[in-house]
Amino acid sequence: MTRTPSSGEPGSSSNKNEGREASSRHGPAWRRPRFRQWRGLLGTVAALALVGTTGAAVIVWTQYEGIVSDLPTVEGLRTYQPPVMSRLYASDDRLIAELADERRVFVPYSAIPDRVKNAFIAAEDQKFWSHKGVDPLAIARAGLTDLTRGKGRRPIGASTITQQVARVMLLGSNAVSMKRKAKEAFLAMRIEQVLPKSKILEIYLNEIYLGSGAYGIGAAAQTYFNKPLDQLDDAEAAFLGALPKSPTNYNPVRFPEAARGRRNWVLERMAETGALTHEAARAAEAEPLIPHNFVRPGPAPGSEWFAEEVRRQLLEKYGQDMTMQGGLDVHTSLDPSLQLTAQTMLRQGLMAYDRAHGGWRGPVRHVETISASSSQEDWVAALKAEVAPLGMLDQWRLAVVLDPAHGRVGWLEGAVVRRGATMQGGTPQTGEIQDRDLAWTRRFRLLKAGDLVMVEPQAGSSRVGLMQVPHVEGAVVTLNARTGRVLALVGGWSFQTSQFDRATQALRQPGSSFKPFVYLQAMEQGISPSQSFDDSPVSYGTWHPNNYEKDFWGPTSLHDALRESRNLVTIRLAAHIGIKNVADMATRIGLVDSMPHVLPAALGAVETTVLKEAGAYASLAAGGRKVTPTLIDDVQDREGHVIWRPEGISLVAASAQAAEAAAGASAGGPGAAAGPSSAAGASDTDAVFPDAPKGADGAKGPAPAAAPVQNDAVKFVMPGQDEIPEVQDNRPRVASEQSAFQITTMLQDVIRRGTGVQAGKGIDYPLAGKTGTSQNFNDAWFAGYSPDLVTVVWIGFDTPTSLGKNETGGTIAGPIWNKVMKTALEGRPKLDFAAPEGITLVRYDTGRGVAIDAFKPGQIPGVSVSLADNGASHELTAADTGAENMADSESDMAAGAGQSGAAATGSGQPAAPGAPKAPPAASGGDIGMGGLY
């Protein structure tokens, strides 16, 4: 068969075949299958997705690691202890003050009422009991809502209660950011794994801030309704549940309608969740929302000085955090009624002095817009705009003078004075100033219409007393003479005016109230109260001390010298026994921290505080045991465990006490190291009942503290046991009981017929005490005690200034002491100062009257022996008298008072008892530094 050759036409079959062959040889002229194209596309997308997912996972993982790497641990929540305020209680368990950075009352979960739990859960986290820390649906709902609300508005929260606990307790930040929300979520899930739901809810309800200074539901219930938590009804519980959203915007006082609306919304949610029936919810919504004012406790009226000193001691002992957030229960020794009495009596004394010496200093201010023709509306409006002056007492009123000729004034009555407030309230009242007060103003400055003055309305009368804040200050301390428990402490005129505590912080010269401790050292050296020293002029170098009366008695018994506060006898006595020994006694007994070895110090030219002097006098009343004043009886932690109580006195089983006494006797007994005053050989145990001292310790110096008892020798008395309790007194002995009683007997005569007569007027109790007046009459003191109470009063100016000539401690401080002690002793049994074993009480004639004194064995009552016979009298050296520290002149002495490093060139030798008087001309000089009377 013959093949026809191609004609070369384009359409011929041969050409077509050739084209296909050429195509197959030279290039793809045909299409790939469609599924292959999709496969390639999907592969590309998958590859990109894989890379993107991997990158996103890496980024998410990196972010996650960054977030969780610095998350705080949640383990600490297992032992959650919220910051809780500390509370101070008086001796009668009355709450006197609260100490807190955050006012919080912790309420355990078991004590939280169900209605309160349900209110917060309904308002804040309805799925609290079912979720695992976060609520995804709530987060999604909040996110959608935020997208539709527009920009510039705070995002809606979707935090669960657990997330809020994480934020408050662990993060401490409320910043709006995705990172913070992520941290919250992770921590919430961890918390849910660690803590049960009940613990999480307990933390939340006790930590959350609910406005008006209230942290937690316990404090909020008090703040808004003045109720404990378990007394809230449904409406009140719902209101608390409404506060977390915005305590400020739902404050019931400022925004009552908003607060009521939010409360009702919570009630509706509670009905939806089944926590309330709809009927109960409707009834609760109908209740008015009426907040009740809550006055935060403390300090109780008059207790400001006392509470502040307790706070200072707690801060020193435990620090800021423990004191203000540790939930301490501090039981103090404060007697609230005696505290108010001491404050009132001190203020009356300061006002009496100020009226007698200061004169009328004029009005508080003058209002130009008020005249005699002003209407009531005008002066009421003017008074409402005035601010009460500092130092104004609560019973006083700020008044405006309307008619100066007749003393007619107007004031606002019935409103509590709000110091610092821009507006005052009250009902307008008018009255007339008492005639004697008008006469008082006319002597110094006439009243004018429009003058603002302070007045005190008189009960049952239209008359008012004219008042002014005194410039003079004072302090009072009353404590238990046996234990040192401070019952009252007043540090000045007004705590609001000045928080400087003159009872504990002011260092002042005690003047002649120091002298009993010079005499105590003499008793410790075996000198008799009837021993005579010469009351005649004496000079040491260029220092020429003198008596207050500028007269001389010649040979004078120590009893008379102390009773009448004779300076020259005290100086000779201090020189005889050695000023160094006097300084040792003063520091051992706690009167001073240190004392210069100069003779003026024996007259009180040292510095001490009212509280220290009260403790020193208490040591006399306690038979020579060192009494340390204490304001705190015990401190308990938040769980009720006692973590501190004063040392020194404890209650032990009588059998253990007897065993200890026997052990002491076998070791030689407490009288083994006794000095001259222990001739009786009496023993003294360490167990001393507070009101019945027994035994005697005649040691010349302080006896060592009782040896610590081994743990197996002391059996503490517990309730329900048959052991008889006995007081064990481990406080160190600073003087023998016999010597302390001798001083007490001598000081009793100071009040009976000496310089302290005014202090004892009208008090039918055994009393002992001493006046004190420092140089230039700058300080006036009276320190005295009964067998169970000590009171010390000080009067003076903050910047040492003379109170006035002849203004002594007996005339200024003594009457105040008298009023305080009358109240303090009222209702108490009449106790006598108990004479220790070996003491003989003898009535005898001192040469200046009949006296009663206590004498130790070997001492001859009423006889003054020649001290030179036993070698006690000798030429004084610098070591004995401190003459090496004496100033060259009186001006130098005054400039260097209280300093022990002054240069000295003078020395002196005192006249021996019974020596003839020196010529009167030799006395020419002032007392120098120290006590006057």
Foldseek 3Di string as FASTA:
>chain_A
DDDDDDPPDCPDPVNVVVVVVVDVVPHPPDDDDPVVVVVVVVVVVVVVVVVVVVVVVVVVVVLVCVLVVPFDDPVVLVVDDWQAWEFEAAQVRHTQAIFAPFHFDADALVRADPLLLLLQCLLAPVCLQPDLQFDVVLVVVQVVVVVPPDPDDDGDDRGHLLLVCCCVPTVVDDDDDPSSVVSSRVNRNVNSVPDPSSSSSSSSQRAQDQDPRYGHDQRVCCAFAVDGNVPDDNLRSNLSSLRRVPNVCLPCVVNVVVSLVSSLVSLVSSCVSVVDPPVVSVVSSPDGRHGDHHDHHHNDPLCVLLVVVVLVVCCVVPNDSCNHGFHKHFYWHADVVLSVLLLVLQLVLLQVLCLVPVFDPFFPDFDPVFALPDDPVVVQVVQQQDADDPLADQQKFWWFQNDQVQQKIKTFPDWGHDHPDRGTHHHIAMAHEDPVQCVRCVVPHGDHGRGIFIWGDDPPHRYIYTDDRGQWWKKKWKAWLQAQRTHYIQQTSDCRVPVDRQQAHDWDFFFQLLQLLLLLLVVLQVAFQLAWFAFFWFDWQAFTAAALVRDGDTTFGNLVCQLAVRLVRLLQSLLLSFLVSSQVLCCVLQQDVGFFLASQVSRRLAIGGNSSSLQSLSCLLNLQFRHHHDGTQFMATNVGHTPDGDDFKAKWFPQLQVVLQVVCVVVPALANQADPLCVVVWGAGQFADRLGGEIKHSHSAKGAFRDDDDPVSTHHDDPPDPTDITMGGRTIGGHMSQSSVQSQQSQQSSCVPGLQVLLCPPDPARKGWHWWAWPLRAKTKIWMDGSTMIMIMIMHRSPRDHSDPPPHNNNSVSNSNNSSVVVVCVPPDRGHRDRYPQWDWDWDQSVPGIGIGIHGPPDDPNDHDQCVVVVSDDWGDCRRRVQQQDANHLVVLQVQRRDNPHGHDTGTGDDGRPDDHDDSVSNPDYNRTRHHD
